[in-house]
Amino acid sequence: MNTTEQIQRITDKVRDLLSLQEELRDENQQLKADLENVTKNADLLREELALLITERQELRTELQRQLPLEQALKLQITELEDQIARLQSSPGKMDEETRKTFEKQLNHYIKEIDRCIALLSQS
């Protein structure tokens, strides 16, 4: 192999290496861009997670605040139902119109309390 052929072979190898270097540089730039996108997405997900955690804590606090109210309303319903049962078992102590008005008022309270409990349950 003469010197000219050796120089040509070296030149070809250098050209191949330069081409490979260019491909690797392009791939490296693409990987850097992909990494930047993944990092941005991870940051957004971290922010969203922090917001969700805060919201969850607020909802738990609200639930803890609402539980005693729900229990009080349930107790009130039970007491009102007991009063209705007692009134229904002793009809002779009230006149018919007073009894109906009283029952209507009690039923209204019970419906209102049921509505409140339903709203609390949705929270």
PDB file of N, CA and C in Angstrom:
ATOM      1  N   MET A   1       0.842  -1.154   0.000  1.00  0.00           N
ATOM      2  CA  MET A   1       0.000   0.000   0.000  1.00  0.00           C
ATOM      3  C   MET A   1       0.899   1.232   0.000  1.00  0.00           C
ATOM      4  N   ASN A   2       0.610   2.082  -0.931  1.00  0.00           N
ATOM      5  CA  ASN A   2       1.468   3.260  -1.019  1.00  0.00           C
ATOM      6  C   ASN A   2       0.945   4.388  -0.125  1.00  0.00           C
ATOM      7  N   THR A   3       1.685   5.390  -0.069  1.00  0.00           N
ATOM      8  CA  THR A   3       1.390   6.511   0.824  1.00  0.00           C
ATOM      9  C   THR A   3       0.100   7.218   0.437  1.00  0.00           C
ATOM     10  N   THR A   4      -0.164   7.349  -0.806  1.00  0.00           N
ATOM     11  CA  THR A   4      -1.387   8.013  -1.275  1.00  0.00           C
ATOM     12  C   THR A   4      -2.614   7.226  -0.830  1.00  0.00           C
ATOM     13  N   GLU A   5      -2.539   5.940  -0.938  1.00  0.00           N
ATOM     14  CA  GLU A   5      -3.669   5.098  -0.497  1.00  0.00           C
ATOM     15  C   GLU A   5      -3.849   5.174   1.018  1.00  0.00           C
ATOM     16  N   GLN A   6      -2.756   5.215   1.726  1.00  0.00           N
ATOM     17  CA  GLN A   6      -2.846   5.337   3.173  1.00  0.00           C
ATOM     18  C   GLN A   6      -3.469   6.673   3.572  1.00  0.00           C
ATOM     19  N   ILE A   7      -3.057   7.717   2.912  1.00  0.00           N
ATOM     20  CA  ILE A   7      -3.617   9.043   3.191  1.00  0.00           C
ATOM     21  C   ILE A   7      -5.104   9.045   2.869  1.00  0.00           C
ATOM     22  N   GLN A   8      -5.466   8.421   1.757  1.00  0.00           N
ATOM     23  CA  GLN A   8      -6.884   8.353   1.369  1.00  0.00           C
ATOM     24  C   GLN A   8      -7.692   7.585   2.415  1.00  0.00           C
ATOM     25  N   ARG A   9      -7.158   6.467   2.879  1.00  0.00           N
ATOM     26  CA  ARG A   9      -7.846   5.681   3.914  1.00  0.00           C
ATOM     27  C   ARG A   9      -7.989   6.479   5.201  1.00  0.00           C
ATOM     28  N   ILE A  10      -6.958   7.178   5.591  1.00  0.00           N
ATOM     29  CA  ILE A  10      -7.022   8.003   6.811  1.00  0.00           C
ATOM     30  C   ILE A  10      -8.028   9.120   6.617  1.00  0.00           C
ATOM     31  N   THR A  11      -8.014   9.736   5.453  1.00  0.00           N
ATOM     32  CA  THR A  11      -8.964  10.808   5.139  1.00  0.00           C
ATOM     33  C   THR A  11     -10.395  10.287   5.204  1.00  0.00           C
ATOM     34  N   ASP A  12     -10.639   9.109   4.637  1.00  0.00           N
ATOM     35  CA  ASP A  12     -11.976   8.504   4.684  1.00  0.00           C
ATOM     36  C   ASP A  12     -12.399   8.216   6.135  1.00  0.00           C
ATOM     37  N   LYS A  13     -11.472   7.705   6.908  1.00  0.00           N
ATOM     38  CA  LYS A  13     -11.796   7.417   8.312  1.00  0.00           C
ATOM     39  C   LYS A  13     -12.084   8.704   9.082  1.00  0.00           C
ATOM     40  N   VAL A  14     -11.299   9.736   8.834  1.00  0.00           N
ATOM     41  CA  VAL A  14     -11.526  11.018   9.505  1.00  0.00           C
ATOM     42  C   VAL A  14     -12.891  11.562   9.088  1.00  0.00           C
ATOM     43  N   ARG A  15     -13.240  11.464   7.806  1.00  0.00           N
ATOM     44  CA  ARG A  15     -14.546  11.915   7.310  1.00  0.00           C
ATOM     45  C   ARG A  15     -15.665  11.122   7.975  1.00  0.00           C
ATOM     46  N   ASP A  16     -15.485   9.803   8.081  1.00  0.00           N
ATOM     47  CA  ASP A  16     -16.485   8.967   8.748  1.00  0.00           C
ATOM     48  C   ASP A  16     -16.640   9.365  10.227  1.00  0.00           C
ATOM     49  N   LEU A  17     -15.491   9.603  10.868  1.00  0.00           N
ATOM     50  CA  LEU A  17     -15.531  10.007  12.268  1.00  0.00           C
ATOM     51  C   LEU A  17     -16.204  11.368  12.443  1.00  0.00           C
ATOM     52  N   LEU A  18     -15.947  12.299  11.538  1.00  0.00           N
ATOM     53  CA  LEU A  18     -16.593  13.613  11.602  1.00  0.00           C
ATOM     54  C   LEU A  18     -18.103  13.489  11.390  1.00  0.00           C
ATOM     55  N   SER A  19     -18.474  12.630  10.477  1.00  0.00           N
ATOM     56  CA  SER A  19     -19.903  12.394  10.233  1.00  0.00           C
ATOM     57  C   SER A  19     -20.567  11.777  11.468  1.00  0.00           C
ATOM     58  N   LEU A  20     -19.902  10.814  12.048  1.00  0.00           N
ATOM     59  CA  LEU A  20     -20.418  10.180  13.267  1.00  0.00           C
ATOM     60  C   LEU A  20     -20.491  11.184  14.416  1.00  0.00           C
ATOM     61  N   GLN A  21     -19.472  12.037  14.510  1.00  0.00           N
ATOM     62  CA  GLN A  21     -19.480  13.070  15.549  1.00  0.00           C
ATOM     63  C   GLN A  21     -20.686  14.003  15.366  1.00  0.00           C
ATOM     64  N   GLU A  22     -20.979  14.377  14.145  1.00  0.00           N
ATOM     65  CA  GLU A  22     -22.124  15.255  13.853  1.00  0.00           C
ATOM     66  C   GLU A  22     -23.437  14.564  14.237  1.00  0.00           C
ATOM     67  N   GLU A  23     -23.565  13.297  13.903  1.00  0.00           N
ATOM     68  CA  GLU A  23     -24.767  12.541  14.282  1.00  0.00           C
ATOM     69  C   GLU A  23     -24.914  12.479  15.802  1.00  0.00           C
ATOM     70  N   LEU A  24     -23.805  12.214  16.478  1.00  0.00           N
ATOM     71  CA  LEU A  24     -23.847  12.145  17.931  1.00  0.00           C
ATOM     72  C   LEU A  24     -24.180  13.509  18.553  1.00  0.00           C
ATOM     73  N   ARG A  25     -23.661  14.584  17.966  1.00  0.00           N
ATOM     74  CA  ARG A  25     -23.971  15.932  18.446  1.00  0.00           C
ATOM     75  C   ARG A  25     -25.470  16.209  18.293  1.00  0.00           C
ATOM     76  N   ASP A  26     -26.037  15.840  17.143  1.00  0.00           N
ATOM     77  CA  ASP A  26     -27.478  16.036  16.919  1.00  0.00           C
ATOM     78  C   ASP A  26     -28.302  15.215  17.913  1.00  0.00           C
ATOM     79  N   GLU A  27     -27.884  13.967  18.104  1.00  0.00           N
ATOM     80  CA  GLU A  27     -28.600  13.104  19.047  1.00  0.00           C
ATOM     81  C   GLU A  27     -28.499  13.660  20.468  1.00  0.00           C
ATOM     82  N   ASN A  28     -27.322  14.162  20.810  1.00  0.00           N
ATOM     83  CA  ASN A  28     -27.121  14.749  22.132  1.00  0.00           C
ATOM     84  C   ASN A  28     -28.028  15.971  22.330  1.00  0.00           C
ATOM     85  N   GLN A  29     -28.133  16.821  21.316  1.00  0.00           N
ATOM     86  CA  GLN A  29     -29.019  17.990  21.414  1.00  0.00           C
ATOM     87  C   GLN A  29     -30.475  17.557  21.580  1.00  0.00           C
ATOM     88  N   GLN A  30     -30.878  16.534  20.842  1.00  0.00           N
ATOM     89  CA  GLN A  30     -32.252  16.039  20.958  1.00  0.00           C
ATOM     90  C   GLN A  30     -32.501  15.473  22.356  1.00  0.00           C
ATOM     91  N   LEU A  31     -31.530  14.740  22.887  1.00  0.00           N
ATOM     92  CA  LEU A  31     -31.666  14.192  24.227  1.00  0.00           C
ATOM     93  C   LEU A  31     -31.734  15.301  25.278  1.00  0.00           C
ATOM     94  N   LYS A  32     -30.959  16.356  25.091  1.00  0.00           N
ATOM     95  CA  LYS A  32     -31.016  17.490  26.008  1.00  0.00           C
ATOM     96  C   LYS A  32     -32.394  18.156  25.963  1.00  0.00           C
ATOM     97  N   ALA A  33     -32.944  18.311  24.765  1.00  0.00           N
ATOM     98  CA  ALA A  33     -34.277  18.900  24.621  1.00  0.00           C
ATOM     99  C   ALA A  33     -35.328  18.009  25.268  1.00  0.00           C
ATOM    100  N   ASP A  34     -35.206  16.694  25.057  1.00  0.00           N
ATOM    101  CA  ASP A  34     -36.145  15.752  25.677  1.00  0.00           C
ATOM    102  C   ASP A  34     -36.042  15.814  27.204  1.00  0.00           C
ATOM    103  N   LEU A  35     -34.820  15.874  27.707  1.00  0.00           N
ATOM    104  CA  LEU A  35     -34.612  15.955  29.146  1.00  0.00           C
ATOM    105  C   LEU A  35     -35.222  17.243  29.710  1.00  0.00           C
ATOM    106  N   GLU A  36     -35.070  18.329  29.003  1.00  0.00           N
ATOM    107  CA  GLU A  36     -35.656  19.604  29.442  1.00  0.00           C
ATOM    108  C   GLU A  36     -37.180  19.507  29.497  1.00  0.00           C
ATOM    109  N   ASN A  37     -37.780  18.867  28.481  1.00  0.00           N
ATOM    110  CA  ASN A  37     -39.239  18.686  28.479  1.00  0.00           C
ATOM    111  C   ASN A  37     -39.692  17.795  29.642  1.00  0.00           C
ATOM    112  N   VAL A  38     -38.965  16.727  29.871  1.00  0.00           N
ATOM    113  CA  VAL A  38     -39.316  15.828  30.978  1.00  0.00           C
ATOM    114  C   VAL A  38     -39.189  16.569  32.305  1.00  0.00           C
ATOM    115  N   THR A  39     -38.158  17.366  32.453  1.00  0.00           N
ATOM    116  CA  THR A  39     -37.955  18.141  33.685  1.00  0.00           C
ATOM    117  C   THR A  39     -39.100  19.127  33.892  1.00  0.00           C
ATOM    118  N   LYS A  40     -39.496  19.818  32.825  1.00  0.00           N
ATOM    119  CA  LYS A  40     -40.622  20.757  32.929  1.00  0.00           C
ATOM    120  C   LYS A  40     -41.905  20.022  33.321  1.00  0.00           C
ATOM    121  N   ASN A  41     -42.152  18.883  32.681  1.00  0.00           N
ATOM    122  CA  ASN A  41     -43.346  18.103  33.018  1.00  0.00           C
ATOM    123  C   ASN A  41     -43.305  17.619  34.463  1.00  0.00           C
ATOM    124  N   ALA A  42     -42.143  17.200  34.913  1.00  0.00           N
ATOM    125  CA  ALA A  42     -42.005  16.742  36.299  1.00  0.00           C
ATOM    126  C   ALA A  42     -42.280  17.897  37.261  1.00  0.00           C
ATOM    127  N   ASP A  43     -41.791  19.089  36.932  1.00  0.00           N
ATOM    128  CA  ASP A  43     -42.054  20.262  37.776  1.00  0.00           C
ATOM    129  C   ASP A  43     -43.541  20.575  37.828  1.00  0.00           C
ATOM    130  N   LEU A  44     -44.199  20.498  36.672  1.00  0.00           N
ATOM    131  CA  LEU A  44     -45.644  20.752  36.631  1.00  0.00           C
ATOM    132  C   LEU A  44     -46.398  19.709  37.457  1.00  0.00           C
ATOM    133  N   LEU A  45     -45.986  18.470  37.338  1.00  0.00           N
ATOM    134  CA  LEU A  45     -46.632  17.404  38.113  1.00  0.00           C
ATOM    135  C   LEU A  45     -46.410  17.586  39.613  1.00  0.00           C
ATOM    136  N   ARG A  46     -45.204  18.033  39.992  1.00  0.00           N
ATOM    137  CA  ARG A  46     -44.932  18.299  41.409  1.00  0.00           C
ATOM    138  C   ARG A  46     -45.830  19.421  41.931  1.00  0.00           C
ATOM    139  N   GLU A  47     -45.992  20.476  41.125  1.00  0.00           N
ATOM    140  CA  GLU A  47     -46.858  21.585  41.522  1.00  0.00           C
ATOM    141  C   GLU A  47     -48.304  21.114  41.656  1.00  0.00           C
ATOM    142  N   GLU A  48     -48.748  20.331  40.692  1.00  0.00           N
ATOM    143  CA  GLU A  48     -50.124  19.816  40.742  1.00  0.00           C
ATOM    144  C   GLU A  48     -50.319  18.908  41.953  1.00  0.00           C
ATOM    145  N   LEU A  49     -49.344  18.085  42.234  1.00  0.00           N
ATOM    146  CA  LEU A  49     -49.417  17.210  43.401  1.00  0.00           C
ATOM    147  C   LEU A  49     -49.501  18.030  44.689  1.00  0.00           C
ATOM    148  N   ALA A  50     -48.705  19.087  44.770  1.00  0.00           N
ATOM    149  CA  ALA A  50     -48.743  19.946  45.964  1.00  0.00           C
ATOM    150  C   ALA A  50     -50.123  20.570  46.131  1.00  0.00           C
ATOM    151  N   LEU A  51     -50.712  21.007  45.019  1.00  0.00           N
ATOM    152  CA  LEU A  51     -52.058  21.579  45.088  1.00  0.00           C
ATOM    153  C   LEU A  51     -53.081  20.534  45.527  1.00  0.00           C
ATOM    154  N   LEU A  52     -52.957  19.332  44.997  1.00  0.00           N
ATOM    155  CA  LEU A  52     -53.888  18.259  45.365  1.00  0.00           C
ATOM    156  C   LEU A  52     -53.742  17.878  46.839  1.00  0.00           C
ATOM    157  N   ILE A  53     -52.514  17.861  47.323  1.00  0.00           N
ATOM    158  CA  ILE A  53     -52.289  17.547  48.731  1.00  0.00           C
ATOM    159  C   ILE A  53     -52.916  18.619  49.617  1.00  0.00           C
ATOM    160  N   THR A  54     -52.733  19.876  49.232  1.00  0.00           N
ATOM    161  CA  THR A  54     -53.335  20.976  49.992  1.00  0.00           C
ATOM    162  C   THR A  54     -54.847  20.877  49.970  1.00  0.00           C
ATOM    163  N   GLU A  55     -55.407  20.604  48.794  1.00  0.00           N
ATOM    164  CA  GLU A  55     -56.861  20.479  48.678  1.00  0.00           C
ATOM    165  C   GLU A  55     -57.372  19.314  49.531  1.00  0.00           C
ATOM    166  N   ARG A  56     -56.655  18.215  49.510  1.00  0.00           N
ATOM    167  CA  ARG A  56     -57.050  17.046  50.311  1.00  0.00           C
ATOM    168  C   ARG A  56     -57.046  17.386  51.799  1.00  0.00           C
ATOM    169  N   GLN A  57     -56.021  18.105  52.234  1.00  0.00           N
ATOM    170  CA  GLN A  57     -55.952  18.492  53.638  1.00  0.00           C
ATOM    171  C   GLN A  57     -57.113  19.421  54.002  1.00  0.00           C
ATOM    172  N   GLU A  58     -57.423  20.353  53.108  1.00  0.00           N
ATOM    173  CA  GLU A  58     -58.545  21.263  53.357  1.00  0.00           C
ATOM    174  C   GLU A  58     -59.863  20.500  53.432  1.00  0.00           C
ATOM    175  N   LEU A  59     -60.031  19.526  52.539  1.00  0.00           N
ATOM    176  CA  LEU A  59     -61.255  18.731  52.546  1.00  0.00           C
ATOM    177  C   LEU A  59     -61.355  17.893  53.825  1.00  0.00           C
ATOM    178  N   ARG A  60     -60.239  17.340  54.271  1.00  0.00           N
ATOM    179  CA  ARG A  60     -60.249  16.574  55.522  1.00  0.00           C
ATOM    180  C   ARG A  60     -60.614  17.470  56.700  1.00  0.00           C
ATOM    181  N   THR A  61     -60.059  18.672  56.708  1.00  0.00           N
ATOM    182  CA  THR A  61     -60.377  19.621  57.778  1.00  0.00           C
ATOM    183  C   THR A  61     -61.857  19.965  57.758  1.00  0.00           C
ATOM    184  N   GLU A  62     -62.372  20.225  56.568  1.00  0.00           N
ATOM    185  CA  GLU A  62     -63.796  20.551  56.425  1.00  0.00           C
ATOM    186  C   GLU A  62     -64.660  19.375  56.869  1.00  0.00           C
ATOM    187  N   LEU A  63     -64.262  18.177  56.505  1.00  0.00           N
ATOM    188  CA  LEU A  63     -65.005  16.990  56.915  1.00  0.00           C
ATOM    189  C   LEU A  63     -65.005  16.856  58.433  1.00  0.00           C
ATOM    190  N   GLN A  64     -63.860  17.046  59.047  1.00  0.00           N
ATOM    191  CA  GLN A  64     -63.779  16.963  60.509  1.00  0.00           C
ATOM    192  C   GLN A  64     -64.653  18.032  61.165  1.00  0.00           C
ATOM    193  N   ARG A  65     -64.744  19.184  60.522  1.00  0.00           N
ATOM    194  CA  ARG A  65     -65.585  20.256  61.047  1.00  0.00           C
ATOM    195  C   ARG A  65     -67.064  19.919  60.884  1.00  0.00           C
ATOM    196  N   GLN A  66     -67.411  19.223  59.810  1.00  0.00           N
ATOM    197  CA  GLN A  66     -68.807  18.919  59.510  1.00  0.00           C
ATOM    198  C   GLN A  66     -69.337  17.705  60.267  1.00  0.00           C
ATOM    199  N   LEU A  67     -68.460  16.798  60.671  1.00  0.00           N
ATOM    200  CA  LEU A  67     -68.910  15.571  61.337  1.00  0.00           C
ATOM    201  C   LEU A  67     -69.736  15.839  62.599  1.00  0.00           C
ATOM    202  N   PRO A  68     -69.304  16.722  63.490  1.00  0.00           N
ATOM    203  CA  PRO A  68     -70.142  16.974  64.677  1.00  0.00           C
ATOM    204  C   PRO A  68     -71.513  17.551  64.317  1.00  0.00           C
ATOM    205  N   LEU A  69     -71.539  18.397  63.304  1.00  0.00           N
ATOM    206  CA  LEU A  69     -72.818  18.960  62.872  1.00  0.00           C
ATOM    207  C   LEU A  69     -73.732  17.870  62.335  1.00  0.00           C
ATOM    208  N   GLU A  70     -73.170  16.962  61.556  1.00  0.00           N
ATOM    209  CA  GLU A  70     -73.966  15.854  61.023  1.00  0.00           C
ATOM    210  C   GLU A  70     -74.504  14.987  62.158  1.00  0.00           C
ATOM    211  N   GLN A  71     -73.649  14.716  63.130  1.00  0.00           N
ATOM    212  CA  GLN A  71     -74.090  13.903  64.258  1.00  0.00           C
ATOM    213  C   GLN A  71     -75.186  14.606  65.054  1.00  0.00           C
ATOM    214  N   ALA A  72     -75.041  15.922  65.242  1.00  0.00           N
ATOM    215  CA  ALA A  72     -76.067  16.679  65.964  1.00  0.00           C
ATOM    216  C   ALA A  72     -77.386  16.664  65.201  1.00  0.00           C
ATOM    217  N   LEU A  73     -77.302  16.784  63.893  1.00  0.00           N
ATOM    218  CA  LEU A  73     -78.524  16.751  63.081  1.00  0.00           C
ATOM    219  C   LEU A  73     -79.188  15.378  63.131  1.00  0.00           C
ATOM    220  N   LYS A  74     -78.394  14.333  63.106  1.00  0.00           N
ATOM    221  CA  LYS A  74     -78.961  12.984  63.208  1.00  0.00           C
ATOM    222  C   LYS A  74     -79.644  12.791  64.562  1.00  0.00           C
ATOM    223  N   LEU A  75     -79.014  13.296  65.608  1.00  0.00           N
ATOM    224  CA  LEU A  75     -79.609  13.210  66.939  1.00  0.00           C
ATOM    225  C   LEU A  75     -80.928  13.983  66.987  1.00  0.00           C
ATOM    226  N   GLN A  76     -80.921  15.146  66.368  1.00  0.00           N
ATOM    227  CA  GLN A  76     -82.140  15.949  66.333  1.00  0.00           C
ATOM    228  C   GLN A  76     -83.253  15.219  65.573  1.00  0.00           C
ATOM    229  N   ILE A  77     -82.908  14.563  64.492  1.00  0.00           N
ATOM    230  CA  ILE A  77     -83.903  13.786  63.739  1.00  0.00           C
ATOM    231  C   ILE A  77     -84.483  12.693  64.632  1.00  0.00           C
ATOM    232  N   THR A  78     -83.615  11.992  65.327  1.00  0.00           N
ATOM    233  CA  THR A  78     -84.082  10.914  66.204  1.00  0.00           C
ATOM    234  C   THR A  78     -85.026  11.462  67.268  1.00  0.00           C
ATOM    235  N   GLU A  79     -84.646  12.579  67.864  1.00  0.00           N
ATOM    236  CA  GLU A  79     -85.501  13.174  68.891  1.00  0.00           C
ATOM    237  C   GLU A  79     -86.854  13.598  68.314  1.00  0.00           C
ATOM    238  N   LEU A  80     -86.824  14.196  67.132  1.00  0.00           N
ATOM    239  CA  LEU A  80     -88.078  14.617  66.506  1.00  0.00           C
ATOM    240  C   LEU A  80     -88.953  13.417  66.133  1.00  0.00           C
ATOM    241  N   GLU A  81     -88.325  12.353  65.652  1.00  0.00           N
ATOM    242  CA  GLU A  81     -89.092  11.153  65.319  1.00  0.00           C
ATOM    243  C   GLU A  81     -89.719  10.550  66.578  1.00  0.00           C
ATOM    244  N   ASP A  82     -88.962  10.591  67.689  1.00  0.00           N
ATOM    245  CA  ASP A  82     -89.514  10.113  68.961  1.00  0.00           C
ATOM    246  C   ASP A  82     -90.715  10.959  69.392  1.00  0.00           C
ATOM    247  N   GLN A  83     -90.590  12.258  69.221  1.00  0.00           N
ATOM    248  CA  GLN A  83     -91.705  13.146  69.578  1.00  0.00           C
ATOM    249  C   GLN A  83     -92.928  12.841  68.725  1.00  0.00           C
ATOM    250  N   ILE A  84     -92.721  12.613  67.455  1.00  0.00           N
ATOM    251  CA  ILE A  84     -93.838  12.273  66.560  1.00  0.00           C
ATOM    252  C   ILE A  84     -94.497  10.983  67.022  1.00  0.00           C
ATOM    253  N   ALA A  85     -93.675   9.991  67.337  1.00  0.00           N
ATOM    254  CA  ALA A  85     -94.215   8.700  67.777  1.00  0.00           C
ATOM    255  C   ALA A  85     -95.027   8.871  69.060  1.00  0.00           C
ATOM    256  N   ARG A  86     -94.516   9.665  69.995  1.00  0.00           N
ATOM    257  CA  ARG A  86     -95.258   9.896  71.239  1.00  0.00           C
ATOM    258  C   ARG A  86     -96.568  10.624  70.968  1.00  0.00           C
ATOM    259  N   LEU A  87     -96.510  11.609  70.093  1.00  0.00           N
ATOM    260  CA  LEU A  87     -97.729  12.362  69.778  1.00  0.00           C
ATOM    261  C   LEU A  87     -98.744  11.492  69.058  1.00  0.00           C
ATOM    262  N   GLN A  88     -98.261  10.637  68.189  1.00  0.00           N
ATOM    263  CA  GLN A  88     -99.186   9.771  67.460  1.00  0.00           C
ATOM    264  C   GLN A  88     -99.815   8.732  68.378  1.00  0.00           C
ATOM    265  N   SER A  89     -99.130   8.361  69.431  1.00  0.00           N
ATOM    266  CA  SER A  89     -99.677   7.357  70.335  1.00  0.00           C
ATOM    267  C   SER A  89    -100.635   7.960  71.363  1.00  0.00           C
ATOM    268  N   SER A  90    -100.653   9.272  71.494  1.00  0.00           N
ATOM    269  CA  SER A  90    -101.577   9.912  72.443  1.00  0.00           C
ATOM    270  C   SER A  90    -102.345  11.038  71.758  1.00  0.00           C
ATOM    271  N   PRO A  91    -103.258  10.690  70.840  1.00  0.00           N
ATOM    272  CA  PRO A  91    -103.963  11.718  70.071  1.00  0.00           C
ATOM    273  C   PRO A  91    -104.992  12.495  70.891  1.00  0.00           C
ATOM    274  N   GLY A  92    -105.395  12.031  72.043  1.00  0.00           N
ATOM    275  CA  GLY A  92    -106.442  12.695  72.789  1.00  0.00           C
ATOM    276  C   GLY A  92    -106.003  13.981  73.463  1.00  0.00           C
ATOM    277  N   LYS A  93    -104.713  14.258  73.571  1.00  0.00           N
ATOM    278  CA  LYS A  93    -104.235  15.421  74.303  1.00  0.00           C
ATOM    279  C   LYS A  93    -104.201  16.683  73.458  1.00  0.00           C
ATOM    280  N   MET A  94    -104.289  16.568  72.131  1.00  0.00           N
ATOM    281  CA  MET A  94    -104.288  17.733  71.237  1.00  0.00           C
ATOM    282  C   MET A  94    -105.522  17.649  70.362  1.00  0.00           C
ATOM    283  N   ASP A  95    -106.028  18.846  70.025  1.00  0.00           N
ATOM    284  CA  ASP A  95    -107.116  18.802  69.049  1.00  0.00           C
ATOM    285  C   ASP A  95    -106.532  18.494  67.681  1.00  0.00           C
ATOM    286  N   GLU A  96    -107.358  18.079  66.764  1.00  0.00           N
ATOM    287  CA  GLU A  96    -106.921  17.585  65.448  1.00  0.00           C
ATOM    288  C   GLU A  96    -106.119  18.637  64.687  1.00  0.00           C
ATOM    289  N   GLU A  97    -106.592  19.866  64.676  1.00  0.00           N
ATOM    290  CA  GLU A  97    -105.916  20.920  63.913  1.00  0.00           C
ATOM    291  C   GLU A  97    -104.537  21.213  64.496  1.00  0.00           C
ATOM    292  N   THR A  98    -104.416  21.278  65.803  1.00  0.00           N
ATOM    293  CA  THR A  98    -103.126  21.525  66.460  1.00  0.00           C
ATOM    294  C   THR A  98    -102.170  20.385  66.197  1.00  0.00           C
ATOM    295  N   ARG A  99    -102.670  19.160  66.291  1.00  0.00           N
ATOM    296  CA  ARG A  99    -101.831  17.992  66.042  1.00  0.00           C
ATOM    297  C   ARG A  99    -101.312  17.988  64.617  1.00  0.00           C
ATOM    298  N   LYS A 100    -102.182  18.275  63.637  1.00  0.00           N
ATOM    299  CA  LYS A 100    -101.758  18.288  62.229  1.00  0.00           C
ATOM    300  C   LYS A 100    -100.728  19.392  61.987  1.00  0.00           C
ATOM    301  N   THR A 101    -100.961  20.548  62.570  1.00  0.00           N
ATOM    302  CA  THR A 101    -100.005  21.647  62.416  1.00  0.00           C
ATOM    303  C   THR A 101     -98.657  21.262  63.017  1.00  0.00           C
ATOM    304  N   PHE A 102     -98.695  20.654  64.190  1.00  0.00           N
ATOM    305  CA  PHE A 102     -97.470  20.227  64.863  1.00  0.00           C
ATOM    306  C   PHE A 102     -96.730  19.174  64.040  1.00  0.00           C
ATOM    307  N   GLU A 103     -97.452  18.190  63.546  1.00  0.00           N
ATOM    308  CA  GLU A 103     -96.839  17.141  62.727  1.00  0.00           C
ATOM    309  C   GLU A 103     -96.260  17.726  61.444  1.00  0.00           C
ATOM    310  N   LYS A 104     -96.987  18.657  60.855  1.00  0.00           N
ATOM    311  CA  LYS A 104     -96.509  19.293  59.624  1.00  0.00           C
ATOM    312  C   LYS A 104     -95.196  20.032  59.902  1.00  0.00           C
ATOM    313  N   GLN A 105     -95.152  20.732  61.021  1.00  0.00           N
ATOM    314  CA  GLN A 105     -93.936  21.447  61.386  1.00  0.00           C
ATOM    315  C   GLN A 105     -92.793  20.473  61.657  1.00  0.00           C
ATOM    316  N   LEU A 106     -93.073  19.407  62.369  1.00  0.00           N
ATOM    317  CA  LEU A 106     -92.039  18.408  62.637  1.00  0.00           C
ATOM    318  C   LEU A 106     -91.534  17.766  61.342  1.00  0.00           C
ATOM    319  N   ASN A 107     -92.443  17.423  60.452  1.00  0.00           N
ATOM    320  CA  ASN A 107     -92.053  16.831  59.164  1.00  0.00           C
ATOM    321  C   ASN A 107     -91.192  17.807  58.363  1.00  0.00           C
ATOM    322  N   HIS A 108     -91.549  19.076  58.443  1.00  0.00           N
ATOM    323  CA  HIS A 108     -90.744  20.094  57.743  1.00  0.00           C
ATOM    324  C   HIS A 108     -89.326  20.119  58.314  1.00  0.00           C
ATOM    325  N   TYR A 109     -89.213  20.091  59.652  1.00  0.00           N
ATOM    326  CA  TYR A 109     -87.886  20.084  60.282  1.00  0.00           C
ATOM    327  C   TYR A 109     -87.096  18.840  59.884  1.00  0.00           C
ATOM    328  N   ILE A 110     -87.759  17.713  59.869  1.00  0.00           N
ATOM    329  CA  ILE A 110     -87.075  16.469  59.507  1.00  0.00           C
ATOM    330  C   ILE A 110     -86.571  16.535  58.070  1.00  0.00           C
ATOM    331  N   LYS A 111     -87.391  17.046  57.160  1.00  0.00           N
ATOM    332  CA  LYS A 111     -86.961  17.168  55.762  1.00  0.00           C
ATOM    333  C   LYS A 111     -85.783  18.131  55.649  1.00  0.00           C
ATOM    334  N   GLU A 112     -85.837  19.223  56.386  1.00  0.00           N
ATOM    335  CA  GLU A 112     -84.755  20.196  56.355  1.00  0.00           C
ATOM    336  C   GLU A 112     -83.466  19.583  56.892  1.00  0.00           C
ATOM    337  N   ILE A 113     -83.561  18.838  57.962  1.00  0.00           N
ATOM    338  CA  ILE A 113     -82.381  18.179  58.529  1.00  0.00           C
ATOM    339  C   ILE A 113     -81.848  17.124  57.564  1.00  0.00           C
ATOM    340  N   ASP A 114     -82.724  16.357  56.942  1.00  0.00           N
ATOM    341  CA  ASP A 114     -82.295  15.364  55.943  1.00  0.00           C
ATOM    342  C   ASP A 114     -81.568  16.044  54.788  1.00  0.00           C
ATOM    343  N   ARG A 115     -82.086  17.182  54.373  1.00  0.00           N
ATOM    344  CA  ARG A 115     -81.450  17.927  53.285  1.00  0.00           C
ATOM    345  C   ARG A 115     -80.055  18.391  53.713  1.00  0.00           C
ATOM    346  N   CYS A 116     -79.938  18.874  54.936  1.00  0.00           N
ATOM    347  CA  CYS A 116     -78.641  19.310  55.444  1.00  0.00           C
ATOM    348  C   CYS A 116     -77.650  18.143  55.500  1.00  0.00           C
ATOM    349  N   ILE A 117     -78.125  17.007  55.959  1.00  0.00           N
ATOM    350  CA  ILE A 117     -77.246  15.825  56.029  1.00  0.00           C
ATOM    351  C   ILE A 117     -76.806  15.419  54.624  1.00  0.00           C
ATOM    352  N   ALA A 118     -77.725  15.474  53.680  1.00  0.00           N
ATOM    353  CA  ALA A 118     -77.364  15.123  52.302  1.00  0.00           C
ATOM    354  C   ALA A 118     -76.308  16.084  51.765  1.00  0.00           C
ATOM    355  N   LEU A 119     -76.467  17.366  52.049  1.00  0.00           N
ATOM    356  CA  LEU A 119     -75.474  18.341  51.604  1.00  0.00           C
ATOM    357  C   LEU A 119     -74.121  18.106  52.273  1.00  0.00           C
ATOM    358  N   LEU A 120     -74.164  17.784  53.553  1.00  0.00           N
ATOM    359  CA  LEU A 120     -72.903  17.500  54.261  1.00  0.00           C
ATOM    360  C   LEU A 120     -72.238  16.247  53.714  1.00  0.00           C
ATOM    361  N   SER A 121     -73.043  15.281  53.364  1.00  0.00           N
ATOM    362  CA  SER A 121     -72.482  14.031  52.828  1.00  0.00           C
ATOM    363  C   SER A 121     -71.814  14.251  51.475  1.00  0.00           C
ATOM    364  N   GLN A 122     -72.287  15.228  50.727  1.00  0.00           N
ATOM    365  CA  GLN A 122     -71.697  15.513  49.423  1.00  0.00           C
ATOM    366  C   GLN A 122     -70.386  16.260  49.540  1.00  0.00           C
ATOM    367  N   SER A 123     -70.158  16.948  50.655  1.00  0.00           N
ATOM    368  CA  SER A 123     -68.935  17.751  50.826  1.00  0.00           C
ATOM    369  C   SER A 123     -67.720  16.903  50.901  1.00  0.00           C
TER     370      SER A 123
END
